[in-house]
C-alpha atoms as a PDB file:
ATOM      1  CA  MET A   1       0.105   0.040  -0.140  1.00  0.00           C
ATOM      2  CA  THR A   2       1.059   3.514  -0.737  1.00  0.00           C
ATOM      3  CA  LEU A   3       0.553   7.127   0.458  1.00  0.00           C
ATOM      4  CA  ALA A   4      -1.754   7.531  -2.676  1.00  0.00           C
ATOM      5  CA  ASP A   5      -4.120   4.510  -1.461  1.00  0.00           C
ATOM      6  CA  LEU A   6      -5.045   5.999   1.768  1.00  0.00           C
ATOM      7  CA  SER A   7      -8.303   7.058   2.935  1.00  0.00           C
ATOM      8  CA  THR A   8      -9.304  10.383   4.421  1.00  0.00           C
ATOM      9  CA  GLY A   9      -8.739   9.988   8.141  1.00  0.00           C
ATOM     10  CA  GLN A  10      -6.386   7.087   7.731  1.00  0.00           C
ATOM     11  CA  HIS A  11      -2.913   6.836   9.581  1.00  0.00           C
ATOM     12  CA  ALA A  12       0.038   5.042   8.436  1.00  0.00           C
ATOM     13  CA  ARG A  13       3.664   4.608   8.912  1.00  0.00           C
ATOM     14  CA  ILE A  14       6.149   4.920   5.970  1.00  0.00           C
ATOM     15  CA  THR A  15       8.221   1.852   5.634  1.00  0.00           C
ATOM     16  CA  SER A  16      10.027   2.440   2.426  1.00  0.00           C
ATOM     17  CA  ILE A  17      10.620   4.820  -0.317  1.00  0.00           C
ATOM     18  CA  ASP A  18      11.629   4.586  -3.894  1.00  0.00           C
ATOM     19  CA  THR A  19      13.891   7.589  -4.328  1.00  0.00           C
ATOM     20  CA  SER A  20      14.056   7.150  -8.258  1.00  0.00           C
ATOM     21  CA  GLN A  21      12.273  10.452  -8.693  1.00  0.00           C
ATOM     22  CA  PRO A  22      13.851  13.697  -7.915  1.00  0.00           C
ATOM     23  CA  GLY A  23      10.629  15.220  -6.411  1.00  0.00           C
ATOM     24  CA  VAL A  24      10.652  12.412  -4.036  1.00  0.00           C
ATOM     25  CA  VAL A  25      13.894  13.294  -2.540  1.00  0.00           C
ATOM     26  CA  ARG A  26      12.668  16.775  -2.023  1.00  0.00           C
ATOM     27  CA  LEU A  27       9.536  15.608  -0.144  1.00  0.00           C
ATOM     28  CA  MET A  28      12.000  13.591   2.020  1.00  0.00           C
ATOM     29  CA  VAL A  29      13.765  16.673   3.122  1.00  0.00           C
ATOM     30  CA  LEU A  30      10.438  17.922   4.277  1.00  0.00           C
ATOM     31  CA  GLY A  31       9.966  15.110   6.812  1.00  0.00           C
ATOM     32  CA  LEU A  32       8.539  12.233   4.646  1.00  0.00           C
ATOM     33  CA  VAL A  33      10.983   9.643   5.593  1.00  0.00           C
ATOM     34  CA  GLU A  34      10.747   6.095   6.718  1.00  0.00           C
ATOM     35  CA  GLY A  35       9.081   5.613  10.433  1.00  0.00           C
ATOM     36  CA  THR A  36       7.166   8.770   9.991  1.00  0.00           C
ATOM     37  CA  ILE A  37       3.708   8.733  11.030  1.00  0.00           C
ATOM     38  CA  VAL A  38       1.454  10.252   8.708  1.00  0.00           C
ATOM     39  CA  LYS A  39      -2.615  11.048   8.511  1.00  0.00           C
ATOM     40  CA  HIS A  40      -4.316  11.559   5.334  1.00  0.00           C
ATOM     41  CA  LEU A  41      -6.303  14.859   5.888  1.00  0.00           C
ATOM     42  CA  HIS A  42      -8.106  15.005   2.338  1.00  0.00           C
ATOM     43  CA  ALA A  43      -7.811  15.331  -1.216  1.00  0.00           C
ATOM     44  CA  ALA A  44      -8.778  18.196  -3.567  1.00  0.00           C
ATOM     45  CA  ILE A  45     -11.435  17.774  -5.875  1.00  0.00           C
ATOM     46  CA  GLY A  46     -10.378  15.241  -8.763  1.00  0.00           C
ATOM     47  CA  GLY A  47      -8.114  13.582  -6.009  1.00  0.00           C
ATOM     48  CA  ASP A  48      -4.996  15.409  -6.657  1.00  0.00           C
ATOM     49  CA  PRO A  49      -3.180  16.589  -4.479  1.00  0.00           C
ATOM     50  CA  LEU A  50      -3.353  14.925  -1.450  1.00  0.00           C
ATOM     51  CA  GLU A  51      -3.104  16.774   2.048  1.00  0.00           C
ATOM     52  CA  LEU A  52      -1.068  14.867   4.614  1.00  0.00           C
ATOM     53  CA  GLU A  53      -0.382  15.665   8.230  1.00  0.00           C
ATOM     54  CA  LEU A  54       2.844  14.804   9.791  1.00  0.00           C
ATOM     55  CA  MET A  55       4.896  16.153  12.740  1.00  0.00           C
ATOM     56  CA  GLY A  56       2.206  18.563  13.368  1.00  0.00           C
ATOM     57  CA  THR A  57       1.956  20.318  10.080  1.00  0.00           C
ATOM     58  CA  ALA A  58       0.029  19.784   6.699  1.00  0.00           C
ATOM     59  CA  LEU A  59       1.885  19.010   3.599  1.00  0.00           C
ATOM     60  CA  SER A  60       0.202  18.623  -0.049  1.00  0.00           C
ATOM     61  CA  VAL A  61       1.603  15.799  -2.130  1.00  0.00           C
ATOM     62  CA  ARG A  62       0.692  14.957  -5.804  1.00  0.00           C
ATOM     63  CA  ARG A  63      -0.835  11.631  -6.018  1.00  0.00           C
ATOM     64  CA  GLU A  64       2.143  10.565  -8.672  1.00  0.00           C
ATOM     65  CA  GLN A  65       4.851  11.060  -6.028  1.00  0.00           C
ATOM     66  CA  ALA A  66       2.572   9.647  -3.154  1.00  0.00           C
ATOM     67  CA  ARG A  67       2.856   6.221  -4.997  1.00  0.00           C
ATOM     68  CA  HIS A  68       6.701   6.153  -4.180  1.00  0.00           C
ATOM     69  CA  PHE A  69       6.007   5.939  -0.494  1.00  0.00           C
ATOM     70  CA  GLU A  70       5.048   2.412   0.892  1.00  0.00           C
ATOM     71  CA  VAL A  71       3.021   2.610   4.007  1.00  0.00           C
ATOM     72  CA  GLU A  72       1.551   0.412   6.665  1.00  0.00           C
ATOM     73  CA  PRO A  73      -1.680   1.594   7.940  1.00  0.00           C
ATOM     74  CA  PHE A  74      -2.780   1.454  11.563  1.00  0.00           C
ATOM     75  CA  GLY A  75      -5.545   2.423  14.073  1.00  0.00           C
ATOM     76  CA  PRO A  76      -9.364   2.681  13.702  1.00  0.00           C
ATOM     77  CA  ALA A  77      -9.512   3.991   9.964  1.00  0.00           C
ATOM     78  CA  SER A  78      -7.099   1.032   8.759  1.00  0.00           C
ATOM     79  CA  GLU A  79      -9.746  -1.553  10.359  1.00  0.00           C
ATOM     80  CA  ILE A  80     -12.833  -0.133   8.568  1.00  0.00           C
ATOM     81  CA  ARG A  81     -11.011   0.019   4.721  1.00  0.00           C
ATOM     82  CA  PRO A  82     -12.000  -2.726   2.484  1.00  0.00           C
END
């Protein structure tokens, strides 16, 4: 599962990152690194970009870049996901 697959309100921990795209490396500088806990706040109309909460701040990420971050969901929202 990737950041792009999270549902609104769902929490996840980043487990691995594909750094082949330069934009992904820039997001890592902003705090999207392995072990970071993120919450999917919401997505814009059309689903892109996604707004994530991490370390007390909100960050907007393009869906294409979010696909490069593997995550492990946890918490109540992950239990109701099909």
